[in-house]
PDB file of N, CA and C in Angstrom:
ATOM      1  N   UNK A   1       0.461 -21.470 -52.618  1.00  0.00           N
ATOM      2  CA  UNK A   1       0.662 -20.053 -52.355  1.00  0.00           C
ATOM      3  C   UNK A   1      -0.251 -19.579 -51.231  1.00  0.00           C
ATOM      4  N   UNK A   2      -1.475 -20.090 -51.190  1.00  0.00           N
ATOM      5  CA  UNK A   2      -2.422 -19.658 -50.167  1.00  0.00           C
ATOM      6  C   UNK A   2      -1.925 -20.029 -48.776  1.00  0.00           C
ATOM      7  N   UNK A   3      -1.337 -21.223 -48.657  1.00  0.00           N
ATOM      8  CA  UNK A   3      -0.818 -21.639 -47.353  1.00  0.00           C
ATOM      9  C   UNK A   3       0.340 -20.747 -46.929  1.00  0.00           C
ATOM     10  N   UNK A   4       1.164 -20.397 -47.873  1.00  0.00           N
ATOM     11  CA  UNK A   4       2.292 -19.523 -47.579  1.00  0.00           C
ATOM     12  C   UNK A   4       1.793 -18.161 -47.100  1.00  0.00           C
ATOM     13  N   UNK A   5       0.753 -17.668 -47.730  1.00  0.00           N
ATOM     14  CA  UNK A   5       0.179 -16.377 -47.357  1.00  0.00           C
ATOM     15  C   UNK A   5      -0.417 -16.443 -45.945  1.00  0.00           C
ATOM     16  N   UNK A   6      -1.110 -17.549 -45.650  1.00  0.00           N
ATOM     17  CA  UNK A   6      -1.681 -17.722 -44.316  1.00  0.00           C
ATOM     18  C   UNK A   6      -0.584 -17.810 -43.262  1.00  0.00           C
ATOM     19  N   UNK A   7       0.490 -18.514 -43.605  1.00  0.00           N
ATOM     20  CA  UNK A   7       1.604 -18.660 -42.671  1.00  0.00           C
ATOM     21  C   UNK A   7       2.245 -17.305 -42.393  1.00  0.00           C
ATOM     22  N   UNK A   8       2.419 -16.509 -43.439  1.00  0.00           N
ATOM     23  CA  UNK A   8       2.981 -15.172 -43.262  1.00  0.00           C
ATOM     24  C   UNK A   8       2.085 -14.325 -42.361  1.00  0.00           C
ATOM     25  N   UNK A   9       0.780 -14.451 -42.572  1.00  0.00           N
ATOM     26  CA  UNK A   9      -0.178 -13.694 -41.776  1.00  0.00           C
ATOM     27  C   UNK A   9      -0.095 -14.102 -40.300  1.00  0.00           C
ATOM     28  N   UNK A  10      -0.006 -15.405 -40.055  1.00  0.00           N
ATOM     29  CA  UNK A  10       0.112 -15.901 -38.681  1.00  0.00           C
ATOM     30  C   UNK A  10       1.405 -15.418 -38.033  1.00  0.00           C
ATOM     31  N   UNK A  11       2.487 -15.480 -38.807  1.00  0.00           N
ATOM     32  CA  UNK A  11       3.777 -15.019 -38.284  1.00  0.00           C
ATOM     33  C   UNK A  11       3.729 -13.535 -37.929  1.00  0.00           C
ATOM     34  N   UNK A  12       3.107 -12.761 -38.792  1.00  0.00           N
ATOM     35  CA  UNK A  12       3.001 -11.324 -38.535  1.00  0.00           C
ATOM     36  C   UNK A  12       2.170 -11.068 -37.282  1.00  0.00           C
ATOM     37  N   UNK A  13       1.039 -11.779 -37.145  1.00  0.00           N
ATOM     38  CA  UNK A  13       0.196 -11.618 -35.962  1.00  0.00           C
ATOM     39  C   UNK A  13       0.962 -11.988 -34.697  1.00  0.00           C
ATOM     40  N   UNK A  14       1.754 -13.048 -34.781  1.00  0.00           N
ATOM     41  CA  UNK A  14       2.548 -13.485 -33.635  1.00  0.00           C
ATOM     42  C   UNK A  14       3.580 -12.419 -33.259  1.00  0.00           C
ATOM     43  N   UNK A  15       4.259 -11.869 -34.270  1.00  0.00           N
ATOM     44  CA  UNK A  15       5.251 -10.821 -34.001  1.00  0.00           C
ATOM     45  C   UNK A  15       4.613  -9.588 -33.377  1.00  0.00           C
ATOM     46  N   UNK A  16       3.466  -9.183 -33.912  1.00  0.00           N
ATOM     47  CA  UNK A  16       2.767  -8.009 -33.387  1.00  0.00           C
ATOM     48  C   UNK A  16       2.337  -8.253 -31.947  1.00  0.00           C
ATOM     49  N   UNK A  17       1.832  -9.455 -31.662  1.00  0.00           N
ATOM     50  CA  UNK A  17       1.398  -9.784 -30.305  1.00  0.00           C
ATOM     51  C   UNK A  17       2.582  -9.782 -29.342  1.00  0.00           C
ATOM     52  N   UNK A  18       3.709 -10.337 -29.764  1.00  0.00           N
ATOM     53  CA  UNK A  18       4.897 -10.349 -28.910  1.00  0.00           C
ATOM     54  C   UNK A  18       5.395  -8.933 -28.643  1.00  0.00           C
ATOM     55  N   UNK A  19       5.371  -8.102 -29.675  1.00  0.00           N
ATOM     56  CA  UNK A  19       5.808  -6.719 -29.515  1.00  0.00           C
ATOM     57  C   UNK A  19       4.886  -5.980 -28.549  1.00  0.00           C
ATOM     58  N   UNK A  20       3.595  -6.223 -28.685  1.00  0.00           N
ATOM     59  CA  UNK A  20       2.615  -5.586 -27.812  1.00  0.00           C
ATOM     60  C   UNK A  20       2.828  -6.012 -26.360  1.00  0.00           C
ATOM     61  N   UNK A  21       3.046  -7.294 -26.138  1.00  0.00           N
ATOM     62  CA  UNK A  21       3.303  -7.790 -24.788  1.00  0.00           C
ATOM     63  C   UNK A  21       4.593  -7.212 -24.215  1.00  0.00           C
ATOM     64  N   UNK A  22       5.609  -7.084 -25.062  1.00  0.00           N
ATOM     65  CA  UNK A  22       6.884  -6.540 -24.601  1.00  0.00           C
ATOM     66  C   UNK A  22       6.736  -5.077 -24.186  1.00  0.00           C
ATOM     67  N   UNK A  23       6.011  -4.294 -24.979  1.00  0.00           N
ATOM     68  CA  UNK A  23       5.826  -2.883 -24.621  1.00  0.00           C
ATOM     69  C   UNK A  23       4.976  -2.746 -23.365  1.00  0.00           C
ATOM     70  N   UNK A  24       3.985  -3.615 -23.206  1.00  0.00           N
ATOM     71  CA  UNK A  24       3.151  -3.574 -21.998  1.00  0.00           C
ATOM     72  C   UNK A  24       3.983  -3.918 -20.769  1.00  0.00           C
ATOM     73  N   UNK A  25       4.849  -4.909 -20.887  1.00  0.00           N
ATOM     74  CA  UNK A  25       5.703  -5.297 -19.766  1.00  0.00           C
ATOM     75  C   UNK A  25       6.682  -4.176 -19.423  1.00  0.00           C
ATOM     76  N   UNK A  26       7.232  -3.539 -20.454  1.00  0.00           N
ATOM     77  CA  UNK A  26       8.165  -2.440 -20.232  1.00  0.00           C
ATOM     78  C   UNK A  26       7.469  -1.277 -19.528  1.00  0.00           C
ATOM     79  N   UNK A  27       6.257  -0.958 -19.978  1.00  0.00           N
ATOM     80  CA  UNK A  27       5.484   0.122 -19.378  1.00  0.00           C
ATOM     81  C   UNK A  27       5.154  -0.196 -17.914  1.00  0.00           C
ATOM     82  N   UNK A  28       4.767  -1.452 -17.660  1.00  0.00           N
ATOM     83  CA  UNK A  28       4.446  -1.885 -16.304  1.00  0.00           C
ATOM     84  C   UNK A  28       5.673  -1.764 -15.395  1.00  0.00           C
ATOM     85  N   UNK A  29       6.822  -2.172 -15.893  1.00  0.00           N
ATOM     86  CA  UNK A  29       8.064  -2.095 -15.130  1.00  0.00           C
ATOM     87  C   UNK A  29       8.433  -0.641 -14.845  1.00  0.00           C
ATOM     88  N   UNK A  30       8.260   0.222 -15.836  1.00  0.00           N
ATOM     89  CA  UNK A  30       8.568   1.638 -15.660  1.00  0.00           C
ATOM     90  C   UNK A  30       7.652   2.253 -14.609  1.00  0.00           C
ATOM     91  N   UNK A  31       6.386   1.912 -14.655  1.00  0.00           N
ATOM     92  CA  UNK A  31       5.433   2.430 -13.677  1.00  0.00           C
ATOM     93  C   UNK A  31       5.781   1.932 -12.276  1.00  0.00           C
ATOM     94  N   UNK A  32       6.214   0.690 -12.189  1.00  0.00           N
ATOM     95  CA  UNK A  32       6.585   0.108 -10.901  1.00  0.00           C
ATOM     96  C   UNK A  32       7.781   0.849 -10.305  1.00  0.00           C
ATOM     97  N   UNK A  33       8.775   1.166 -11.120  1.00  0.00           N
ATOM     98  CA  UNK A  33       9.946   1.880 -10.611  1.00  0.00           C
ATOM     99  C   UNK A  33       9.577   3.298 -10.194  1.00  0.00           C
ATOM    100  N   UNK A  34       8.649   3.924 -10.920  1.00  0.00           N
ATOM    101  CA  UNK A  34       8.216   5.274 -10.555  1.00  0.00           C
ATOM    102  C   UNK A  34       7.514   5.272  -9.204  1.00  0.00           C
ATOM    103  N   UNK A  35       6.663   4.279  -8.966  1.00  0.00           N
ATOM    104  CA  UNK A  35       5.956   4.217  -7.690  1.00  0.00           C
ATOM    105  C   UNK A  35       6.916   3.904  -6.553  1.00  0.00           C
ATOM    106  N   UNK A  36       7.950   3.104  -6.826  1.00  0.00           N
ATOM    107  CA  UNK A  36       8.948   2.819  -5.796  1.00  0.00           C
ATOM    108  C   UNK A  36       9.713   4.081  -5.432  1.00  0.00           C
ATOM    109  N   UNK A  37      10.065   4.874  -6.423  1.00  0.00           N
ATOM    110  CA  UNK A  37      10.772   6.125  -6.150  1.00  0.00           C
ATOM    111  C   UNK A  37       9.903   7.069  -5.340  1.00  0.00           C
ATOM    112  N   UNK A  38       8.616   7.110  -5.679  1.00  0.00           N
ATOM    113  CA  UNK A  38       7.695   7.996  -4.975  1.00  0.00           C
ATOM    114  C   UNK A  38       7.504   7.540  -3.533  1.00  0.00           C
ATOM    115  N   UNK A  39       7.455   6.237  -3.315  1.00  0.00           N
ATOM    116  CA  UNK A  39       7.235   5.728  -1.964  1.00  0.00           C
ATOM    117  C   UNK A  39       8.462   5.929  -1.086  1.00  0.00           C
ATOM    118  N   UNK A  40       9.611   6.175  -1.678  1.00  0.00           N
ATOM    119  CA  UNK A  40      10.817   6.405  -0.898  1.00  0.00           C
ATOM    120  C   UNK A  40      10.864   7.815  -0.328  1.00  0.00           C
ATOM    121  N   UNK A  41      10.027   8.724  -0.817  1.00  0.00           N
ATOM    122  CA  UNK A  41       9.995  10.080  -0.282  1.00  0.00           C
ATOM    123  C   UNK A  41       9.427  10.049   1.127  1.00  0.00           C
ATOM    124  N   UNK A  42       9.875  10.931   1.993  1.00  0.00           N
ATOM    125  CA  UNK A  42       9.294  10.993   3.334  1.00  0.00           C
ATOM    126  C   UNK A  42       7.821  11.376   3.274  1.00  0.00           C
ATOM    127  N   UNK A  43       7.060  10.910   4.252  1.00  0.00           N
ATOM    128  CA  UNK A  43       5.619  11.146   4.259  1.00  0.00           C
ATOM    129  C   UNK A  43       5.302  12.633   4.356  1.00  0.00           C
ATOM    130  N   UNK A  44       6.084  13.361   5.133  1.00  0.00           N
ATOM    131  CA  UNK A  44       5.811  14.792   5.284  1.00  0.00           C
ATOM    132  C   UNK A  44       6.001  15.531   3.963  1.00  0.00           C
ATOM    133  N   UNK A  45       6.958  15.105   3.195  1.00  0.00           N
ATOM    134  CA  UNK A  45       7.210  15.740   1.900  1.00  0.00           C
ATOM    135  C   UNK A  45       6.040  15.498   0.948  1.00  0.00           C
ATOM    136  N   UNK A  46       5.502  14.273   0.973  1.00  0.00           N
ATOM    137  CA  UNK A  46       4.354  13.962   0.128  1.00  0.00           C
ATOM    138  C   UNK A  46       3.121  14.732   0.585  1.00  0.00           C
ATOM    139  N   UNK A  47       2.934  14.826   1.897  1.00  0.00           N
ATOM    140  CA  UNK A  47       1.781  15.558   2.424  1.00  0.00           C
ATOM    141  C   UNK A  47       1.877  17.029   2.045  1.00  0.00           C
ATOM    142  N   UNK A  48       3.067  17.574   2.129  1.00  0.00           N
ATOM    143  CA  UNK A  48       3.277  18.976   1.767  1.00  0.00           C
ATOM    144  C   UNK A  48       2.955  19.190   0.289  1.00  0.00           C
ATOM    145  N   UNK A  49       3.379  18.271  -0.529  1.00  0.00           N
ATOM    146  CA  UNK A  49       3.124  18.363  -1.961  1.00  0.00           C
ATOM    147  C   UNK A  49       1.630  18.328  -2.247  1.00  0.00           C
ATOM    148  N   UNK A  50       0.908  17.454  -1.569  1.00  0.00           N
ATOM    149  CA  UNK A  50      -0.533  17.346  -1.784  1.00  0.00           C
ATOM    150  C   UNK A  50      -1.261  18.600  -1.310  1.00  0.00           C
ATOM    151  N   UNK A  51      -0.818  19.171  -0.207  1.00  0.00           N
ATOM    152  CA  UNK A  51      -1.454  20.386   0.303  1.00  0.00           C
ATOM    153  C   UNK A  51      -1.229  21.557  -0.651  1.00  0.00           C
ATOM    154  N   UNK A  52      -0.050  21.623  -1.225  1.00  0.00           N
ATOM    155  CA  UNK A  52       0.247  22.708  -2.156  1.00  0.00           C
ATOM    156  C   UNK A  52      -0.524  22.539  -3.463  1.00  0.00           C
ATOM    157  N   UNK A  53      -0.787  21.318  -3.843  1.00  0.00           N
ATOM    158  CA  UNK A  53      -1.466  21.055  -5.112  1.00  0.00           C
ATOM    159  C   UNK A  53      -2.924  21.478  -5.073  1.00  0.00           C
ATOM    160  N   UNK A  54      -3.560  21.380  -3.908  1.00  0.00           N
ATOM    161  CA  UNK A  54      -4.974  21.726  -3.790  1.00  0.00           C
ATOM    162  C   UNK A  54      -5.105  22.925  -2.862  1.00  0.00           C
ATOM    163  N   UNK A  55      -5.229  24.133  -3.423  1.00  0.00           N
ATOM    164  CA  UNK A  55      -5.324  25.318  -2.565  1.00  0.00           C
ATOM    165  C   UNK A  55      -6.671  25.399  -1.859  1.00  0.00           C
ATOM    166  N   UNK A  56      -6.642  25.917  -0.638  1.00  0.00           N
ATOM    167  CA  UNK A  56      -7.879  26.093   0.120  1.00  0.00           C
ATOM    168  C   UNK A  56      -8.538  27.395  -0.300  1.00  0.00           C
ATOM    169  N   UNK A  57      -9.858  27.396  -0.420  1.00  0.00           N
ATOM    170  CA  UNK A  57     -10.546  28.654  -0.735  1.00  0.00           C
ATOM    171  C   UNK A  57     -10.587  29.547   0.501  1.00  0.00           C
ATOM    172  N   UNK A  58     -10.440  30.834   0.286  1.00  0.00           N
ATOM    173  CA  UNK A  58     -10.466  31.790   1.394  1.00  0.00           C
ATOM    174  C   UNK A  58     -11.894  32.254   1.606  1.00  0.00           C
ATOM    175  N   UNK A  59     -12.627  31.508   2.420  1.00  0.00           N
ATOM    176  CA  UNK A  59     -14.015  31.845   2.702  1.00  0.00           C
ATOM    177  C   UNK A  59     -14.177  32.135   4.181  1.00  0.00           C
ATOM    178  N   UNK A  60     -14.956  33.159   4.473  1.00  0.00           N
ATOM    179  CA  UNK A  60     -15.266  33.468   5.865  1.00  0.00           C
ATOM    180  C   UNK A  60     -16.446  32.600   6.290  1.00  0.00           C
ATOM    181  N   UNK A  61     -16.451  32.114   7.519  1.00  0.00           N
ATOM    182  CA  UNK A  61     -17.571  31.279   7.955  1.00  0.00           C
ATOM    183  C   UNK A  61     -18.858  32.090   8.067  1.00  0.00           C
ATOM    184  N   UNK A  62     -19.931  31.520   7.573  1.00  0.00           N
ATOM    185  CA  UNK A  62     -21.222  32.208   7.626  1.00  0.00           C
ATOM    186  C   UNK A  62     -22.015  31.662   8.796  1.00  0.00           C
ATOM    187  N   UNK A  63     -22.315  32.518   9.777  1.00  0.00           N
ATOM    188  CA  UNK A  63     -23.030  32.068  10.973  1.00  0.00           C
ATOM    189  C   UNK A  63     -24.512  32.385  10.887  1.00  0.00           C
ATOM    190  N   UNK A  64     -24.894  33.469  10.240  1.00  0.00           N
ATOM    191  CA  UNK A  64     -26.296  33.867  10.148  1.00  0.00           C
ATOM    192  C   UNK A  64     -26.880  33.458   8.807  1.00  0.00           C
ATOM    193  N   UNK A  65     -26.950  32.185   8.566  1.00  0.00           N
ATOM    194  CA  UNK A  65     -27.514  31.710   7.311  1.00  0.00           C
ATOM    195  C   UNK A  65     -28.993  31.419   7.535  1.00  0.00           C
ATOM    196  N   UNK A  66     -29.830  32.040   6.744  1.00  0.00           N
ATOM    197  CA  UNK A  66     -31.273  31.858   6.877  1.00  0.00           C
ATOM    198  C   UNK A  66     -31.673  30.539   6.223  1.00  0.00           C
ATOM    199  N   UNK A  67     -32.481  29.749   6.924  1.00  0.00           N
ATOM    200  CA  UNK A  67     -32.904  28.468   6.375  1.00  0.00           C
ATOM    201  C   UNK A  67     -33.934  28.695   5.276  1.00  0.00           C
ATOM    202  N   UNK A  68     -34.000  27.752   4.356  1.00  0.00           N
ATOM    203  CA  UNK A  68     -34.918  27.878   3.228  1.00  0.00           C
ATOM    204  C   UNK A  68     -36.344  27.564   3.663  1.00  0.00           C
ATOM    205  N   UNK A  69     -37.297  27.885   2.807  1.00  0.00           N
ATOM    206  CA  UNK A  69     -38.716  27.696   3.115  1.00  0.00           C
ATOM    207  C   UNK A  69     -39.034  26.226   3.386  1.00  0.00           C
ATOM    208  N   UNK A  70     -38.493  25.338   2.551  1.00  0.00           N
ATOM    209  CA  UNK A  70     -38.807  23.913   2.738  1.00  0.00           C
ATOM    210  C   UNK A  70     -38.214  23.385   4.031  1.00  0.00           C
ATOM    211  N   UNK A  71     -37.048  23.857   4.409  1.00  0.00           N
ATOM    212  CA  UNK A  71     -36.465  23.408   5.670  1.00  0.00           C
ATOM    213  C   UNK A  71     -37.309  23.874   6.853  1.00  0.00           C
ATOM    214  N   UNK A  72     -37.839  25.086   6.769  1.00  0.00           N
ATOM    215  CA  UNK A  72     -38.662  25.598   7.873  1.00  0.00           C
ATOM    216  C   UNK A  72     -39.976  24.840   7.951  1.00  0.00           C
ATOM    217  N   UNK A  73     -40.590  24.545   6.790  1.00  0.00           N
ATOM    218  CA  UNK A  73     -41.898  23.888   6.787  1.00  0.00           C
ATOM    219  C   UNK A  73     -41.806  22.430   7.245  1.00  0.00           C
ATOM    220  N   UNK A  74     -40.744  21.745   6.828  1.00  0.00           N
ATOM    221  CA  UNK A  74     -40.634  20.327   7.181  1.00  0.00           C
ATOM    222  C   UNK A  74     -39.986  20.137   8.544  1.00  0.00           C
ATOM    223  N   UNK A  75     -39.387  21.157   9.073  1.00  0.00           N
ATOM    224  CA  UNK A  75     -38.764  21.063  10.386  1.00  0.00           C
ATOM    225  C   UNK A  75     -37.374  20.467  10.360  1.00  0.00           C
ATOM    226  N   UNK A  76     -36.794  20.343   9.176  1.00  0.00           N
ATOM    227  CA  UNK A  76     -35.487  19.706   9.091  1.00  0.00           C
ATOM    228  C   UNK A  76     -34.381  20.601   8.941  1.00  0.00           C
TER     229      UNK A  76
END
């Protein structure tokens, strides 16, 4: 009976490992197809998408910025 139990355990581990490998392969394949679809987009379209995703802050340039004490003392 003990051998039968060990055999069942090994079989179960083998099935679980195969299932895990199959899902990993499926996920990898799905990711590969997604990247292929993305790479088929024109470069300008991708650049536009990236620019829209990260908005620029509306800051006015500061020209009269006073240097700090340590910068003045060290000369840097």
